[in-house]
């Protein structure tokens, strides 16, 4: 499908595909995050599960083979906990997150609430936290609240990348597959062949998944993200990793690229990891920044092909493309591409 999209968009049948990336030993038990739906309040005994294909029906589960074992073991206990709440008057969904710290990985249960838990329910979840040795958080419209915790900083979750621990908060985007994430990062660094002298502009940067490894291997990284919380988190992670050459800045990347200072300065590498909508507004005019290399990671073949065609039209050659099996047991795949500027 990706090949067909690229051939059609670029007008070239010679797409330079590299071998795909996968983690065959971790086809199951890889997800460190999952959101499970809860039926509407009409159910007397609430439960959680996944939505049926093409339907609003929620199928109750007792385990999920793709979940990390630390999270999967909690599913039956949470189902029992929900059933004991005697009617869902307040729960929107349940999210499970793996909190990876230096010596141990624990589970965080995040409950989306539309109204506050009463004292009896809070005590029930506190008992659950103690029994299951997990953190329990509630998400309200105005933020997050710790219901009960076994860790010292339950609102500061973590995971490791490139031998650095990154901190993130509940509700913030993370790469859910740690095994393919490590391979994806290694391939990106290998393809870029950084010498240590480059200036890198990273857009849609999150809180440092790529930014910190890049900063450890080049002269300067400017990491751009729209969410203020992610910018603050990214700068904090950069400080903890001693990356003084890395700065996170906030910008709305749907606006004209050259409205911002970073959109007017020449750089060596442009690093893109946009959401499904792609990066059309970014790649529409690359004449100011003129990167020698563009590395693009995509989660949507259609928008990637559209953006790739625009990049090629502006004087770049598609050097390499690779598929990334980020979500084993699903039909979804991601891709990585390297573009090089053609010198005239």
Protein backbone atom coordinates (compact mmCIF):
# COMPACT_ATOMS: atom_id res chain seq x y z
CA UNK A 1 0.00 0.00 0.00
CA UNK A 2 2.79 2.42 0.89
CA UNK A 3 4.63 1.59 -2.34
CA UNK A 4 1.51 2.27 -4.40
CA UNK A 5 0.87 5.57 -2.63
CA UNK A 6 4.47 6.72 -3.18
CA UNK A 7 4.59 5.61 -6.83
CA UNK A 8 1.38 7.47 -7.55
CA UNK A 9 2.34 10.65 -5.65
CA UNK A 10 5.96 10.93 -6.79
CA UNK A 11 5.52 9.45 -10.24
CA UNK A 12 8.40 7.00 -9.84
CA UNK A 13 8.12 3.22 -9.76
CA UNK A 14 11.64 2.75 -8.38
CA UNK A 15 10.95 3.29 -4.66
CA UNK A 16 14.15 2.55 -2.65
CA UNK A 17 12.76 0.25 0.05
CA UNK A 18 15.03 -0.96 2.83
CA UNK A 19 14.27 -4.07 4.98
CA UNK A 20 11.43 -3.51 7.43
CA UNK A 21 12.01 -3.07 11.15
CA UNK A 22 10.35 -5.41 13.63
CA UNK A 23 10.89 -7.09 16.99
CA UNK A 24 9.83 -10.69 16.29
CA UNK A 25 10.64 -11.86 19.82
CA UNK A 26 8.19 -9.30 21.23
CA UNK A 27 5.11 -9.86 19.09
CA UNK A 28 3.04 -10.00 22.27
CA UNK A 29 3.29 -8.23 25.61
CA UNK A 30 4.82 -5.12 24.07
CA UNK A 31 2.28 -2.35 24.71
CA UNK A 32 3.16 -0.04 27.60
CA UNK A 33 -0.04 1.94 27.22
CA UNK A 34 -3.66 1.16 26.38
CA UNK A 35 -7.02 2.89 26.72
CA UNK A 36 -10.07 0.74 27.44
CA UNK A 37 -13.64 1.90 26.96
CA UNK A 38 -16.39 1.74 29.59
CA UNK A 39 -20.11 1.49 28.64
CA UNK A 40 -22.53 4.34 29.18
CA UNK A 41 -24.00 4.84 32.69
CA UNK A 42 -27.08 2.71 31.90
CA UNK A 43 -25.11 -0.44 32.81
CA UNK A 44 -25.68 -1.53 36.41
CA UNK A 45 -22.30 -3.21 36.57
CA UNK A 46 -19.68 -1.27 34.62
CA UNK A 47 -16.86 -3.07 32.84
CA UNK A 48 -14.09 -2.16 30.42
CA UNK A 49 -13.12 -3.49 27.03
CA UNK A 50 -12.43 -2.62 23.40
CA UNK A 51 -14.94 -1.38 20.88
CA UNK A 52 -16.14 -3.88 18.29
CA UNK A 53 -15.17 -3.17 14.70
CA UNK A 54 -17.53 -0.67 13.12
CA UNK A 55 -19.70 -0.51 16.21
CA UNK A 56 -20.14 1.25 19.54
CA UNK A 57 -20.48 -2.13 21.27
CA UNK A 58 -17.83 -2.62 23.94
CA UNK A 59 -16.49 -6.16 24.22
CA UNK A 60 -15.46 -7.06 27.76
CA UNK A 61 -11.98 -8.54 28.12
CA UNK A 62 -10.18 -10.45 30.85
CA UNK A 63 -6.74 -10.09 29.30
CA UNK A 64 -5.01 -8.55 26.28
CA UNK A 65 -2.12 -10.45 24.75
CA UNK A 66 -0.42 -7.32 23.38
CA UNK A 67 -0.30 -5.58 26.77
CA UNK A 68 2.90 -5.58 28.80
CA UNK A 69 2.53 -8.33 31.47
CA UNK A 70 2.69 -5.78 34.30
CA UNK A 71 -0.44 -4.14 32.86
CA UNK A 72 -2.19 -7.26 31.62
CA UNK A 73 -2.18 -8.90 35.06
CA UNK A 74 -4.34 -6.04 36.36
CA UNK A 75 -7.20 -6.46 33.89
CA UNK A 76 -9.27 -9.06 35.83
CA UNK A 77 -8.79 -7.14 39.10
CA UNK A 78 -9.91 -3.87 37.52
CA UNK A 79 -12.96 -5.58 36.02
CA UNK A 80 -13.91 -6.76 39.51
CA UNK A 81 -13.26 -3.32 40.93
CA UNK A 82 -15.51 -1.69 38.34
CA UNK A 83 -18.30 -4.23 38.91
CA UNK A 84 -18.26 -3.39 42.61
CA UNK A 85 -18.96 0.27 41.89
CA UNK A 86 -22.67 -0.55 41.35
CA UNK A 87 -23.39 1.54 38.30
CA UNK A 88 -21.23 3.72 36.12
CA UNK A 89 -22.34 7.23 36.95
CA UNK A 90 -18.96 8.80 36.45
CA UNK A 91 -16.35 6.75 34.51
CA UNK A 92 -15.44 7.72 30.94
CA UNK A 93 -12.64 5.24 30.25
CA UNK A 94 -9.71 3.47 31.90
CA UNK A 95 -6.12 3.86 30.77
CA UNK A 96 -3.22 1.58 31.71
CA UNK A 97 0.35 2.89 31.63
CA UNK A 98 3.71 1.32 32.38
CA UNK A 99 5.90 3.47 34.63
CA UNK A 100 9.55 2.53 34.04
CA UNK A 101 11.94 3.70 36.73
CA UNK A 102 15.60 2.88 37.40
CA UNK A 103 15.09 -0.45 39.16
CA UNK A 104 11.43 -1.40 38.67
CA UNK A 105 8.48 -0.99 36.32
CA UNK A 106 5.08 -0.41 37.92
CA UNK A 107 1.56 0.02 36.59
CA UNK A 108 -0.49 3.20 36.63
CA UNK A 109 -4.28 3.00 36.37
CA UNK A 110 -5.78 6.23 35.08
CA UNK A 111 -9.56 6.62 35.42
CA UNK A 112 -11.26 9.29 33.33
CA UNK A 113 -13.98 10.77 35.55
CA UNK A 114 -16.88 13.04 34.65
CA UNK A 115 -17.65 13.66 38.33
CA UNK A 116 -15.72 13.19 41.55
CA UNK A 117 -15.37 9.86 43.30
CA UNK A 118 -17.21 9.74 46.60
CA UNK A 119 -15.25 8.92 49.80
CA UNK A 120 -16.31 5.25 49.71
CA UNK A 121 -15.11 4.86 46.12
CA UNK A 122 -11.85 6.64 46.87
CA UNK A 123 -11.20 4.23 49.73
CA UNK A 124 -12.00 1.27 47.50
CA UNK A 125 -9.44 2.43 44.93
CA UNK A 126 -6.91 3.10 47.70
CA UNK A 127 -7.35 -0.51 48.83
CA UNK A 128 -6.95 -1.63 45.21
CA UNK A 129 -3.70 0.34 44.91
CA UNK A 130 -2.26 -1.29 48.01
CA UNK A 131 -3.37 -4.79 47.05
CA UNK A 132 -2.18 -4.61 43.42
CA UNK A 133 0.89 -2.41 44.09
CA UNK A 134 -0.03 0.12 41.44
CA UNK A 135 -0.76 3.84 41.25
CA UNK A 136 -4.34 4.99 40.72
CA UNK A 137 -4.98 8.41 39.19
CA UNK A 138 -8.19 10.22 38.30
CA UNK A 139 -8.46 12.53 35.30
CA UNK A 140 -10.92 15.39 35.55
CA UNK A 141 -11.62 18.24 33.15
CA UNK A 142 -9.26 20.46 35.14
CA UNK A 143 -6.37 17.99 35.40
CA UNK A 144 -5.16 14.90 37.22
CA UNK A 145 -5.52 13.84 40.84
CA UNK A 146 -3.68 11.10 42.74
CA UNK A 147 -6.21 8.73 44.30
CA UNK A 148 -3.59 6.38 45.76
CA UNK A 149 0.00 5.52 44.94
CA UNK A 150 2.85 3.17 45.70
CA UNK A 151 5.47 5.33 43.94
CA UNK A 152 6.90 8.58 45.27
CA UNK A 153 5.97 10.74 42.27
CA UNK A 154 2.88 9.17 40.68
CA UNK A 155 2.32 12.08 38.27
CA UNK A 156 5.86 11.72 36.88
CA UNK A 157 5.99 8.56 34.79
CA UNK A 158 9.08 7.41 32.95
CA UNK A 159 10.66 5.27 30.27
CA UNK A 160 14.19 4.76 28.96
CA UNK A 161 15.62 5.61 25.57
CA UNK A 162 19.29 5.75 24.56
CA UNK A 163 20.29 5.02 28.18
CA UNK A 164 18.44 8.12 29.38
CA UNK A 165 15.29 8.19 31.46
CA UNK A 166 12.58 10.41 30.06
CA UNK A 167 9.85 11.77 32.28
CA UNK A 168 6.30 12.24 31.02
CA UNK A 169 2.90 12.94 32.47
CA UNK A 170 -0.40 11.06 32.25
CA UNK A 171 -2.26 12.02 29.10
CA UNK A 172 0.92 12.81 27.13
CA UNK A 173 1.80 10.94 23.92
CA UNK A 174 4.42 8.20 24.15
CA UNK A 175 5.76 5.52 21.82
CA UNK A 176 3.87 2.45 23.06
CA UNK A 177 6.29 -0.19 21.74
CA UNK A 178 9.69 0.14 23.50
CA UNK A 179 11.34 -2.59 21.43
CA UNK A 180 10.58 -1.12 18.01
CA UNK A 181 11.10 2.39 19.37
CA UNK A 182 14.73 1.52 20.18
CA UNK A 183 15.22 0.01 16.72
CA UNK A 184 13.53 2.97 15.05
CA UNK A 185 15.81 5.40 16.85
CA UNK A 186 18.93 3.38 15.98
CA UNK A 187 17.96 3.28 12.31
CA UNK A 188 17.22 7.01 12.20
CA UNK A 189 20.63 7.82 13.67
CA UNK A 190 22.35 5.38 11.32
CA UNK A 191 20.65 6.84 8.23
CA UNK A 192 21.50 10.43 9.20
CA UNK A 193 25.22 9.65 9.67
CA UNK A 194 25.69 12.56 12.07
CA UNK A 195 29.23 13.87 12.46
CA UNK A 196 28.66 15.97 15.59
CA UNK A 197 28.67 19.32 13.78
CA UNK A 198 25.06 19.45 12.58
CA UNK A 199 22.21 21.76 13.52
CA UNK A 200 18.96 19.80 13.68
CA UNK A 201 15.41 21.16 13.62
CA UNK A 202 12.97 18.60 15.02
CA UNK A 203 9.27 19.26 14.58
CA UNK A 204 6.41 17.52 16.44
CA UNK A 205 9.06 16.69 19.02
CA UNK A 206 7.01 15.58 22.04
CA UNK A 207 9.14 15.54 25.18
CA UNK A 208 12.42 14.17 23.84
CA UNK A 209 12.11 10.63 22.46
CA UNK A 210 14.26 11.58 19.45
CA UNK A 211 15.48 15.00 20.60
CA UNK A 212 17.80 13.82 23.36
CA UNK A 213 19.52 11.06 21.32
CA UNK A 214 19.96 13.59 18.48
CA UNK A 215 21.40 16.21 20.84
CA UNK A 216 23.97 13.72 22.13
CA UNK A 217 25.30 13.33 18.57
CA UNK A 218 25.17 16.80 17.00
CA UNK A 219 26.00 20.44 17.72
CA UNK A 220 22.50 21.87 18.25
CA UNK A 221 18.89 20.73 18.30
CA UNK A 222 15.81 22.95 18.26
CA UNK A 223 12.80 20.81 19.19
CA UNK A 224 9.36 22.24 18.37
CA UNK A 225 6.10 21.11 19.93
CA UNK A 226 2.63 22.68 20.10
CA UNK A 227 1.71 21.55 23.63
CA UNK A 228 3.16 23.79 26.32
CA UNK A 229 3.27 20.93 28.83
CA UNK A 230 5.38 18.85 26.42
CA UNK A 231 7.76 21.79 25.90
CA UNK A 232 8.25 22.14 29.66
CA UNK A 233 8.69 18.40 30.00
CA UNK A 234 11.16 18.30 27.12
CA UNK A 235 13.33 21.06 28.55
CA UNK A 236 13.32 19.29 31.92
CA UNK A 237 14.35 16.00 30.29
CA UNK A 238 17.11 17.80 28.38
CA UNK A 239 18.47 19.22 31.64
CA UNK A 240 18.42 15.80 33.31
CA UNK A 241 20.30 14.32 30.33
CA UNK A 242 22.87 17.17 30.38
CA UNK A 243 21.94 18.17 26.85
CA UNK A 244 22.79 21.86 26.96
CA UNK A 245 22.63 22.06 23.17
CA UNK A 246 18.92 21.15 23.10
CA UNK A 247 16.09 23.65 23.42
CA UNK A 248 12.35 23.00 23.23
CA UNK A 249 10.12 25.76 21.91
CA UNK A 250 6.36 26.02 21.51
CA UNK A 251 4.83 26.70 18.09
CA UNK A 252 1.65 25.91 16.19
CA UNK A 253 2.92 24.04 13.14
CA UNK A 254 -0.33 24.52 11.26
CA UNK A 255 0.59 28.19 10.98
CA UNK A 256 2.89 29.56 8.29
CA UNK A 257 6.28 27.99 8.92
CA UNK A 258 8.19 31.22 8.37
CA UNK A 259 6.20 33.02 11.08
CA UNK A 260 8.75 31.63 13.50
CA UNK A 261 12.47 32.28 13.84
CA UNK A 262 13.32 28.59 13.42
CA UNK A 263 11.53 28.65 10.06
CA UNK A 264 13.95 31.24 8.68
CA UNK A 265 17.31 29.81 9.69
CA UNK A 266 19.29 27.40 7.56
CA UNK A 267 19.78 23.99 9.16
CA UNK A 268 21.50 20.73 8.33
CA UNK A 269 18.79 18.22 9.24
CA UNK A 270 15.00 18.48 9.40
CA UNK A 271 13.49 15.71 11.56
CA UNK A 272 9.73 15.14 11.27
CA UNK A 273 7.43 12.84 13.23
CA UNK A 274 3.98 14.35 12.62
CA UNK A 275 0.53 13.04 13.61
CA UNK A 276 -1.71 11.28 11.07
CA UNK A 277 -2.56 14.58 9.35
CA UNK A 278 1.05 14.80 8.19
CA UNK A 279 3.20 17.91 7.76
CA UNK A 280 1.80 19.66 4.68
CA UNK A 281 2.17 23.16 6.14
CA UNK A 282 5.79 22.48 7.08
CA UNK A 283 7.01 21.03 3.79
CA UNK A 284 5.12 23.53 1.63
CA UNK A 285 8.16 25.84 1.57
CA UNK A 286 11.62 24.57 2.55
CA UNK A 287 13.51 27.35 0.78
CA UNK A 288 14.39 29.23 3.98
CA UNK A 289 15.76 26.40 6.13
CA UNK A 290 17.29 24.43 3.21
CA UNK A 291 18.15 21.22 5.11
CA UNK A 292 20.65 18.88 3.51
CA UNK A 293 18.74 15.89 4.90
CA UNK A 294 15.11 15.31 5.90
CA UNK A 295 14.15 12.32 8.00
CA UNK A 296 10.39 11.74 8.08
CA UNK A 297 8.64 9.22 10.33
CA UNK A 298 5.01 8.66 9.42
CA UNK A 299 2.00 6.84 10.84
CA UNK A 300 -0.20 7.44 7.77
CA UNK A 301 0.76 6.25 4.29
CA UNK A 302 -1.59 8.63 2.47
CA UNK A 303 -0.43 11.87 4.06
CA UNK A 304 3.20 10.73 3.95
CA UNK A 305 3.03 10.11 0.20
CA UNK A 306 1.46 13.55 -0.28
CA UNK A 307 4.25 15.21 1.75
CA UNK A 308 6.97 13.12 0.07
CA UNK A 309 5.82 14.34 -3.34
CA UNK A 310 6.06 17.96 -2.16
CA UNK A 311 9.55 17.40 -0.71
CA UNK A 312 10.76 15.82 -3.96
CA UNK A 313 9.24 18.67 -5.96
CA UNK A 314 11.37 21.11 -3.98
CA UNK A 315 14.64 19.52 -5.02
CA UNK A 316 15.09 16.47 -2.82
CA UNK A 317 15.70 12.83 -3.66
CA UNK A 318 14.02 10.00 -1.78
CA UNK A 319 17.04 7.99 -0.62
CA UNK A 320 15.51 5.28 1.59
CA UNK A 321 12.14 4.07 2.84
CA UNK A 322 11.49 1.46 5.51
CA UNK A 323 8.39 0.03 7.17
CA UNK A 324 8.22 -0.15 10.99
CA UNK A 325 6.12 -2.86 12.64
CA UNK A 326 5.30 -0.69 15.65
CA UNK A 327 2.00 -2.47 16.41
CA UNK A 328 2.30 -6.26 15.99
CA UNK A 329 -1.01 -8.16 15.70
CA UNK A 330 -2.63 -5.17 13.98
CA UNK A 331 -2.88 -3.99 10.38
CA UNK A 332 -1.26 -0.67 11.29
CA UNK A 333 2.34 0.09 10.34
CA UNK A 334 4.60 3.12 10.43
CA UNK A 335 7.28 4.16 7.99
CA UNK A 336 10.57 6.05 7.89
CA UNK A 337 12.06 7.89 4.96
CA UNK A 338 15.28 9.77 4.27
CA UNK A 339 15.43 12.59 1.72
CA UNK A 340 18.62 14.24 0.48
CA UNK A 341 18.85 17.64 -1.18
CA UNK A 342 19.96 17.43 -4.79
CA UNK A 343 22.80 19.86 -5.45
CA UNK A 344 22.39 21.75 -8.71
